[in-house]
Amino acid sequence: MLAVSGVAILLALSAFAQAPGTPDLSGTWKLNPQKSKFAKRASISPETLIIMCAANSIHIAFASDAKEPTEMYVADGKEHVFLYVAGGGAWVSKAQWKKSVLITEVVARVKGIDGGDDEIMDLRVRWTISADGRVLTRELEDPAQLLVYDKQ
């Protein structure tokens, strides 16, 4: 069922053109551990990304160690809730292009004792593609890592 939904989403996304002036990250990408710089104590395992970009929608499927999580972003610079949490919290995503770099962010918020929102996680990632379109880099801020992927 999940695979069928994923295929439907990918087909729907392919109906739109890529946003003008932004690189197309679409494709299948395999992690190159020799070129990557991992955080201390990071567990390294083979990883493949399948990225589909259409208009300002970006769908990223990760395949690693029998896990296949997906992330979806709308590169409009606005926050989009993708999961509500009991007690009024939420997981939100945000993405935007800064020239040829895609900046993605996932934030987890919970209601604090004062009634305000407290951030318990903030994951920021910078995605860049080489001029020839064959190498994708994924730069994580905390912990600092530079993951390099080769186009398949």
N, C-alpha and C. Protein backbone atom coordinates (compact mmCIF):
# COMPACT_ATOMS: atom_id res chain seq x y z
N MET A 1 0.83 -1.19 0.00
CA MET A 1 0.00 0.00 0.00
C MET A 1 0.88 1.26 0.00
N LEU A 2 1.90 1.25 0.87
CA LEU A 2 2.79 2.40 0.95
C LEU A 2 3.55 2.59 -0.35
N ALA A 3 3.99 1.48 -0.96
CA ALA A 3 4.72 1.57 -2.23
C ALA A 3 3.83 2.13 -3.32
N VAL A 4 2.56 1.72 -3.35
CA VAL A 4 1.63 2.24 -4.34
C VAL A 4 1.43 3.73 -4.15
N SER A 5 1.29 4.17 -2.90
CA SER A 5 1.14 5.60 -2.62
C SER A 5 2.36 6.37 -3.09
N GLY A 6 3.55 5.81 -2.84
CA GLY A 6 4.78 6.47 -3.25
C GLY A 6 4.87 6.61 -4.76
N VAL A 7 4.48 5.57 -5.47
CA VAL A 7 4.50 5.63 -6.94
C VAL A 7 3.51 6.67 -7.43
N ALA A 8 2.33 6.72 -6.82
CA ALA A 8 1.33 7.71 -7.22
C ALA A 8 1.85 9.12 -7.00
N ILE A 9 2.52 9.35 -5.89
CA ILE A 9 3.09 10.67 -5.60
C ILE A 9 4.15 11.03 -6.64
N LEU A 10 5.02 10.06 -6.94
CA LEU A 10 6.08 10.33 -7.92
C LEU A 10 5.50 10.64 -9.29
N LEU A 11 4.46 9.92 -9.69
CA LEU A 11 3.83 10.19 -10.98
C LEU A 11 3.18 11.56 -10.99
N ALA A 12 2.54 11.91 -9.89
CA ALA A 12 1.90 13.23 -9.80
C ALA A 12 2.95 14.33 -9.87
N LEU A 13 4.06 14.15 -9.18
CA LEU A 13 5.11 15.17 -9.19
C LEU A 13 5.72 15.33 -10.58
N SER A 14 5.84 14.23 -11.33
CA SER A 14 6.48 14.30 -12.64
C SER A 14 5.64 15.07 -13.65
N ALA A 15 4.38 15.33 -13.33
CA ALA A 15 3.52 16.08 -14.23
C ALA A 15 3.87 17.56 -14.25
N PHE A 16 4.62 18.03 -13.30
CA PHE A 16 4.98 19.45 -13.21
C PHE A 16 6.39 19.65 -13.73
N ALA A 17 6.68 20.84 -14.19
CA ALA A 17 8.03 21.18 -14.64
C ALA A 17 8.87 21.58 -13.44
N GLN A 18 10.19 21.44 -13.57
CA GLN A 18 11.11 21.87 -12.53
C GLN A 18 11.04 23.38 -12.40
N ALA A 19 11.12 23.88 -11.17
CA ALA A 19 11.10 25.32 -10.94
C ALA A 19 12.24 25.97 -11.72
N PRO A 20 11.97 27.05 -12.46
CA PRO A 20 13.01 27.68 -13.27
C PRO A 20 14.14 28.24 -12.41
N GLY A 21 15.37 28.10 -12.91
CA GLY A 21 16.52 28.68 -12.23
C GLY A 21 17.07 27.87 -11.08
N THR A 22 16.50 26.70 -10.81
CA THR A 22 17.01 25.86 -9.72
C THR A 22 17.53 24.56 -10.30
N PRO A 23 18.57 23.99 -9.70
CA PRO A 23 19.10 22.72 -10.19
C PRO A 23 18.07 21.61 -9.99
N ASP A 24 18.14 20.61 -10.82
CA ASP A 24 17.28 19.45 -10.68
C ASP A 24 18.06 18.35 -9.96
N LEU A 25 17.68 18.06 -8.73
CA LEU A 25 18.35 17.03 -7.93
C LEU A 25 17.79 15.64 -8.21
N SER A 26 16.82 15.53 -9.11
CA SER A 26 16.16 14.26 -9.38
C SER A 26 17.15 13.19 -9.81
N GLY A 27 16.89 11.98 -9.35
CA GLY A 27 17.71 10.84 -9.75
C GLY A 27 17.94 9.89 -8.59
N THR A 28 18.71 8.88 -8.88
CA THR A 28 19.12 7.90 -7.86
C THR A 28 20.56 8.18 -7.52
N TRP A 29 20.83 8.30 -6.21
CA TRP A 29 22.14 8.70 -5.72
C TRP A 29 22.65 7.70 -4.71
N LYS A 30 23.90 7.26 -4.87
CA LYS A 30 24.49 6.28 -3.95
C LYS A 30 25.59 6.96 -3.13
N LEU A 31 25.53 6.75 -1.80
CA LEU A 31 26.53 7.34 -0.90
C LEU A 31 27.93 6.85 -1.24
N ASN A 32 28.87 7.79 -1.31
CA ASN A 32 30.27 7.48 -1.54
C ASN A 32 31.02 7.74 -0.23
N PRO A 33 31.22 6.68 0.59
CA PRO A 33 31.84 6.88 1.90
C PRO A 33 33.28 7.39 1.83
N GLN A 34 33.99 7.09 0.75
CA GLN A 34 35.38 7.53 0.63
C GLN A 34 35.48 9.04 0.49
N LYS A 35 34.49 9.67 -0.11
CA LYS A 35 34.51 11.12 -0.31
C LYS A 35 33.78 11.87 0.80
N SER A 36 33.05 11.15 1.65
CA SER A 36 32.23 11.77 2.69
C SER A 36 33.04 12.01 3.96
N LYS A 37 32.57 12.95 4.78
CA LYS A 37 33.18 13.23 6.08
C LYS A 37 32.09 13.03 7.13
N PHE A 38 32.25 11.99 7.94
CA PHE A 38 31.23 11.62 8.91
C PHE A 38 31.54 12.19 10.29
N ALA A 39 30.51 12.35 11.07
CA ALA A 39 30.68 12.79 12.46
C ALA A 39 31.36 11.67 13.25
N LYS A 40 32.04 12.05 14.32
CA LYS A 40 32.64 11.04 15.19
C LYS A 40 31.54 10.13 15.70
N ARG A 41 31.86 8.87 15.79
CA ARG A 41 30.93 7.84 16.27
C ARG A 41 29.71 7.63 15.39
N ALA A 42 29.74 8.15 14.17
CA ALA A 42 28.60 7.94 13.26
C ALA A 42 28.66 6.51 12.73
N SER A 43 27.52 5.87 12.67
CA SER A 43 27.48 4.54 12.07
C SER A 43 27.32 4.72 10.57
N ILE A 44 28.17 4.05 9.82
CA ILE A 44 28.20 4.20 8.38
C ILE A 44 27.63 2.94 7.76
N SER A 45 26.62 3.11 6.92
CA SER A 45 26.05 1.98 6.21
C SER A 45 25.71 2.44 4.80
N PRO A 46 25.61 1.50 3.88
CA PRO A 46 25.28 1.89 2.50
C PRO A 46 23.95 2.65 2.48
N GLU A 47 23.87 3.66 1.63
CA GLU A 47 22.64 4.45 1.55
C GLU A 47 22.43 4.87 0.10
N THR A 48 21.18 4.79 -0.32
CA THR A 48 20.78 5.25 -1.64
C THR A 48 19.63 6.23 -1.48
N LEU A 49 19.70 7.33 -2.21
CA LEU A 49 18.62 8.31 -2.22
C LEU A 49 17.94 8.28 -3.58
N ILE A 50 16.63 8.37 -3.56
CA ILE A 50 15.88 8.55 -4.80
C ILE A 50 15.15 9.87 -4.64
N ILE A 51 15.52 10.84 -5.48
CA ILE A 51 14.98 12.19 -5.37
C ILE A 51 14.17 12.50 -6.61
N MET A 52 12.99 13.08 -6.37
CA MET A 52 12.13 13.52 -7.46
C MET A 52 11.78 14.99 -7.20
N CYS A 53 12.18 15.86 -8.10
CA CYS A 53 11.88 17.29 -8.00
C CYS A 53 10.90 17.65 -9.10
N ALA A 54 9.88 18.40 -8.73
CA ALA A 54 8.91 18.88 -9.71
C ALA A 54 8.35 20.20 -9.18
N ALA A 55 8.44 21.24 -10.02
CA ALA A 55 8.05 22.58 -9.59
C ALA A 55 8.80 22.88 -8.30
N ASN A 56 8.09 23.22 -7.20
CA ASN A 56 8.80 23.48 -5.95
C ASN A 56 8.61 22.34 -4.95
N SER A 57 8.17 21.16 -5.44
CA SER A 57 8.02 19.98 -4.58
C SER A 57 9.25 19.08 -4.71
N ILE A 58 9.71 18.60 -3.57
CA ILE A 58 10.88 17.72 -3.54
C ILE A 58 10.53 16.51 -2.69
N HIS A 59 10.69 15.33 -3.25
CA HIS A 59 10.41 14.07 -2.56
C HIS A 59 11.73 13.30 -2.49
N ILE A 60 12.15 12.94 -1.28
CA ILE A 60 13.41 12.23 -1.09
C ILE A 60 13.11 10.92 -0.38
N ALA A 61 13.45 9.80 -1.02
CA ALA A 61 13.30 8.48 -0.42
C ALA A 61 14.70 7.98 -0.07
N PHE A 62 14.89 7.58 1.17
CA PHE A 62 16.17 7.07 1.66
C PHE A 62 16.06 5.55 1.75
N ALA A 63 17.06 4.83 1.26
CA ALA A 63 17.09 3.38 1.40
C ALA A 63 18.41 3.00 2.06
N SER A 64 18.31 2.46 3.29
CA SER A 64 19.49 2.09 4.05
C SER A 64 19.11 1.06 5.09
N ASP A 65 19.83 -0.07 5.13
CA ASP A 65 19.59 -1.10 6.14
C ASP A 65 18.12 -1.47 6.29
N ALA A 66 17.47 -1.76 5.18
CA ALA A 66 16.07 -2.20 5.14
C ALA A 66 15.09 -1.13 5.63
N LYS A 67 15.55 0.09 5.85
CA LYS A 67 14.68 1.19 6.22
C LYS A 67 14.46 2.04 4.98
N GLU A 68 13.26 2.55 4.80
CA GLU A 68 12.98 3.38 3.64
C GLU A 68 12.15 4.60 4.01
N PRO A 69 12.69 5.47 4.87
CA PRO A 69 11.94 6.68 5.20
C PRO A 69 11.91 7.64 4.01
N THR A 70 10.91 8.49 4.00
CA THR A 70 10.81 9.50 2.95
C THR A 70 10.64 10.87 3.58
N GLU A 71 11.07 11.87 2.84
CA GLU A 71 10.89 13.26 3.25
C GLU A 71 10.29 14.00 2.07
N MET A 72 9.36 14.88 2.37
CA MET A 72 8.77 15.70 1.32
C MET A 72 8.88 17.17 1.73
N TYR A 73 9.26 17.99 0.78
CA TYR A 73 9.42 19.41 1.04
C TYR A 73 8.73 20.23 -0.04
N VAL A 74 8.33 21.42 0.32
CA VAL A 74 7.85 22.41 -0.63
C VAL A 74 8.83 23.58 -0.51
N ALA A 75 9.56 23.83 -1.57
CA ALA A 75 10.63 24.84 -1.53
C ALA A 75 10.04 26.24 -1.74
N ASP A 76 9.28 26.68 -0.74
CA ASP A 76 8.67 28.00 -0.79
C ASP A 76 9.07 28.87 0.39
N GLY A 77 9.97 28.37 1.25
CA GLY A 77 10.44 29.13 2.40
C GLY A 77 9.47 29.17 3.57
N LYS A 78 8.34 28.47 3.46
CA LYS A 78 7.33 28.47 4.53
C LYS A 78 7.36 27.14 5.28
N GLU A 79 6.90 27.20 6.53
CA GLU A 79 6.81 25.98 7.33
C GLU A 79 5.55 25.20 6.95
N HIS A 80 5.72 23.87 6.87
CA HIS A 80 4.61 22.98 6.56
C HIS A 80 4.57 21.88 7.61
N VAL A 81 3.46 21.75 8.31
CA VAL A 81 3.31 20.70 9.32
C VAL A 81 3.13 19.37 8.61
N PHE A 82 3.94 18.37 9.00
CA PHE A 82 3.75 17.05 8.42
C PHE A 82 3.36 16.00 9.45
N LEU A 83 3.38 16.38 10.74
CA LEU A 83 2.95 15.44 11.78
C LEU A 83 2.57 16.23 13.03
N TYR A 84 1.35 16.01 13.49
CA TYR A 84 0.93 16.62 14.75
C TYR A 84 1.21 15.63 15.87
N VAL A 85 1.62 16.16 17.03
CA VAL A 85 1.97 15.35 18.18
C VAL A 85 0.99 15.66 19.30
N ALA A 86 0.65 14.63 20.07
CA ALA A 86 -0.28 14.81 21.20
C ALA A 86 0.21 15.93 22.10
N GLY A 87 -0.71 16.70 22.64
CA GLY A 87 -0.35 17.80 23.52
C GLY A 87 -0.09 19.10 22.80
N GLY A 88 -0.36 19.14 21.49
CA GLY A 88 -0.21 20.40 20.75
C GLY A 88 1.11 20.59 20.05
N GLY A 89 1.97 19.60 20.06
CA GLY A 89 3.24 19.72 19.36
C GLY A 89 3.11 19.37 17.89
N ALA A 90 4.17 19.58 17.16
CA ALA A 90 4.15 19.27 15.72
C ALA A 90 5.57 19.13 15.19
N TRP A 91 5.68 18.37 14.11
CA TRP A 91 6.89 18.30 13.31
C TRP A 91 6.62 19.13 12.07
N VAL A 92 7.52 20.04 11.75
CA VAL A 92 7.34 20.90 10.59
C VAL A 92 8.58 20.84 9.70
N SER A 93 8.36 21.04 8.42
CA SER A 93 9.47 21.10 7.48
C SER A 93 9.43 22.45 6.77
N LYS A 94 10.59 22.84 6.30
CA LYS A 94 10.73 24.11 5.59
C LYS A 94 11.85 23.92 4.58
N ALA A 95 11.68 24.46 3.39
CA ALA A 95 12.72 24.35 2.37
C ALA A 95 12.71 25.60 1.50
N GLN A 96 13.89 25.94 1.03
CA GLN A 96 14.00 27.07 0.10
C GLN A 96 15.30 26.97 -0.67
N TRP A 97 15.28 27.53 -1.85
CA TRP A 97 16.48 27.61 -2.67
C TRP A 97 17.19 28.91 -2.37
N LYS A 98 18.49 28.84 -2.14
CA LYS A 98 19.33 30.03 -2.04
C LYS A 98 20.35 29.89 -3.17
N LYS A 99 20.04 30.57 -4.26
CA LYS A 99 20.77 30.42 -5.52
C LYS A 99 20.67 28.95 -5.94
N SER A 100 21.78 28.23 -6.01
CA SER A 100 21.73 26.82 -6.46
C SER A 100 21.79 25.83 -5.31
N VAL A 101 21.61 26.30 -4.08
CA VAL A 101 21.66 25.43 -2.90
C VAL A 101 20.26 25.27 -2.32
N LEU A 102 19.87 24.03 -2.09
CA LEU A 102 18.59 23.76 -1.43
C LEU A 102 18.85 23.66 0.07
N ILE A 103 18.12 24.44 0.85
CA ILE A 103 18.22 24.41 2.30
C ILE A 103 16.94 23.76 2.82
N THR A 104 17.09 22.64 3.54
CA THR A 104 15.93 22.00 4.15
C THR A 104 16.09 22.02 5.66
N GLU A 105 14.95 22.05 6.34
CA GLU A 105 14.96 22.08 7.80
C GLU A 105 13.76 21.30 8.31
N VAL A 106 14.00 20.47 9.31
CA VAL A 106 12.94 19.76 10.01
C VAL A 106 13.04 20.14 11.48
N VAL A 107 11.90 20.61 12.03
CA VAL A 107 11.86 21.07 13.42
C VAL A 107 10.77 20.31 14.15
N ALA A 108 11.10 19.84 15.35
CA ALA A 108 10.10 19.22 16.23
C ALA A 108 9.82 20.20 17.36
N ARG A 109 8.53 20.49 17.55
CA ARG A 109 8.13 21.43 18.60
C ARG A 109 7.14 20.75 19.54
N VAL A 110 7.27 21.08 20.82
CA VAL A 110 6.31 20.63 21.83
C VAL A 110 5.86 21.85 22.61
N LYS A 111 4.72 21.72 23.24
CA LYS A 111 4.23 22.81 24.09
C LYS A 111 5.02 22.82 25.38
N GLY A 112 5.57 23.97 25.72
CA GLY A 112 6.32 24.12 26.97
C GLY A 112 5.38 24.35 28.14
N ILE A 113 5.93 24.32 29.33
CA ILE A 113 5.09 24.51 30.52
C ILE A 113 4.52 25.92 30.59
N ASP A 114 5.16 26.86 29.89
CA ASP A 114 4.65 28.23 29.85
C ASP A 114 3.61 28.44 28.75
N GLY A 115 3.29 27.36 28.01
CA GLY A 115 2.30 27.45 26.94
C GLY A 115 2.89 27.78 25.58
N GLY A 116 4.15 28.16 25.55
CA GLY A 116 4.81 28.47 24.28
C GLY A 116 5.36 27.21 23.63
N ASP A 117 5.87 27.36 22.43
CA ASP A 117 6.47 26.24 21.71
C ASP A 117 7.95 26.13 22.05
N ASP A 118 8.39 24.92 22.39
CA ASP A 118 9.81 24.64 22.62
C ASP A 118 10.30 23.74 21.50
N GLU A 119 11.43 24.10 20.89
CA GLU A 119 12.01 23.25 19.86
C GLU A 119 12.87 22.19 20.53
N ILE A 120 12.59 20.93 20.21
CA ILE A 120 13.38 19.85 20.79
C ILE A 120 14.33 19.23 19.77
N MET A 121 14.14 19.61 18.50
CA MET A 121 15.04 19.15 17.46
C MET A 121 14.99 20.14 16.30
N ASP A 122 16.13 20.41 15.71
CA ASP A 122 16.20 21.27 14.55
C ASP A 122 17.31 20.72 13.65
N LEU A 123 16.91 20.12 12.55
CA LEU A 123 17.86 19.50 11.63
C LEU A 123 17.89 20.30 10.34
N ARG A 124 19.03 20.95 10.07
CA ARG A 124 19.21 21.75 8.86
C ARG A 124 20.19 21.05 7.94
N VAL A 125 19.84 21.05 6.65
CA VAL A 125 20.67 20.38 5.66
C VAL A 125 20.79 21.27 4.43
N ARG A 126 22.01 21.32 3.88
CA ARG A 126 22.28 22.04 2.63
C ARG A 126 22.56 21.00 1.56
N TRP A 127 21.82 21.08 0.45
CA TRP A 127 21.96 20.15 -0.67
C TRP A 127 22.53 20.91 -1.86
N THR A 128 23.63 20.40 -2.43
CA THR A 128 24.20 21.02 -3.64
C THR A 128 24.53 19.92 -4.65
N ILE A 129 24.52 20.31 -5.90
CA ILE A 129 24.84 19.38 -6.98
C ILE A 129 26.01 19.96 -7.77
N SER A 130 26.89 19.09 -8.23
CA SER A 130 28.04 19.54 -9.01
C SER A 130 27.59 20.11 -10.34
N ALA A 131 28.47 20.88 -10.96
CA ALA A 131 28.15 21.53 -12.24
C ALA A 131 27.80 20.51 -13.32
N ASP A 132 28.43 19.33 -13.27
CA ASP A 132 28.13 18.31 -14.28
C ASP A 132 26.93 17.44 -13.91
N GLY A 133 26.33 17.67 -12.74
CA GLY A 133 25.15 16.93 -12.33
C GLY A 133 25.39 15.51 -11.88
N ARG A 134 26.65 15.14 -11.62
CA ARG A 134 26.98 13.76 -11.27
C ARG A 134 27.24 13.54 -9.79
N VAL A 135 27.42 14.62 -9.00
CA VAL A 135 27.74 14.49 -7.58
C VAL A 135 26.80 15.37 -6.77
N LEU A 136 26.20 14.77 -5.75
CA LEU A 136 25.30 15.48 -4.85
C LEU A 136 25.94 15.51 -3.47
N THR A 137 25.95 16.67 -2.83
CA THR A 137 26.45 16.75 -1.46
C THR A 137 25.31 17.13 -0.53
N ARG A 138 25.34 16.54 0.64
CA ARG A 138 24.35 16.77 1.69
C ARG A 138 25.12 17.15 2.94
N GLU A 139 25.03 18.41 3.33
CA GLU A 139 25.79 18.93 4.45
C GLU A 139 24.87 19.14 5.65
N LEU A 140 25.11 18.36 6.70
CA LEU A 140 24.33 18.45 7.93
C LEU A 140 25.07 19.33 8.92
N GLU A 141 24.31 20.12 9.69
CA GLU A 141 24.93 21.05 10.64
C GLU A 141 25.28 20.41 11.98
N ASP A 142 24.37 19.62 12.55
CA ASP A 142 24.59 19.14 13.91
C ASP A 142 24.13 17.70 14.07
N PRO A 143 25.07 16.77 14.12
CA PRO A 143 26.52 16.96 14.09
C PRO A 143 27.00 17.23 12.67
N ALA A 144 28.08 17.96 12.56
CA ALA A 144 28.62 18.34 11.26
C ALA A 144 29.03 17.11 10.47
N GLN A 145 28.46 16.98 9.27
CA GLN A 145 28.80 15.89 8.38
C GLN A 145 28.69 16.38 6.94
N LEU A 146 29.48 15.82 6.06
CA LEU A 146 29.38 16.10 4.63
C LEU A 146 29.24 14.75 3.95
N LEU A 147 28.05 14.49 3.41
CA LEU A 147 27.79 13.22 2.75
C LEU A 147 27.80 13.46 1.25
N VAL A 148 28.57 12.65 0.55
CA VAL A 148 28.75 12.80 -0.90
C VAL A 148 28.11 11.59 -1.59
N TYR A 149 27.29 11.87 -2.60
CA TYR A 149 26.58 10.84 -3.34
C TYR A 149 26.93 10.92 -4.82
N ASP A 150 27.05 9.76 -5.44
CA ASP A 150 27.29 9.68 -6.88
C ASP A 150 25.99 9.30 -7.57
N LYS A 151 25.74 9.95 -8.73
CA LYS A 151 24.53 9.65 -9.49
C LYS A 151 24.66 8.28 -10.13
N GLN A 152 23.59 7.53 -10.07
CA GLN A 152 23.58 6.17 -10.63
C GLN A 152 22.95 6.16 -12.01
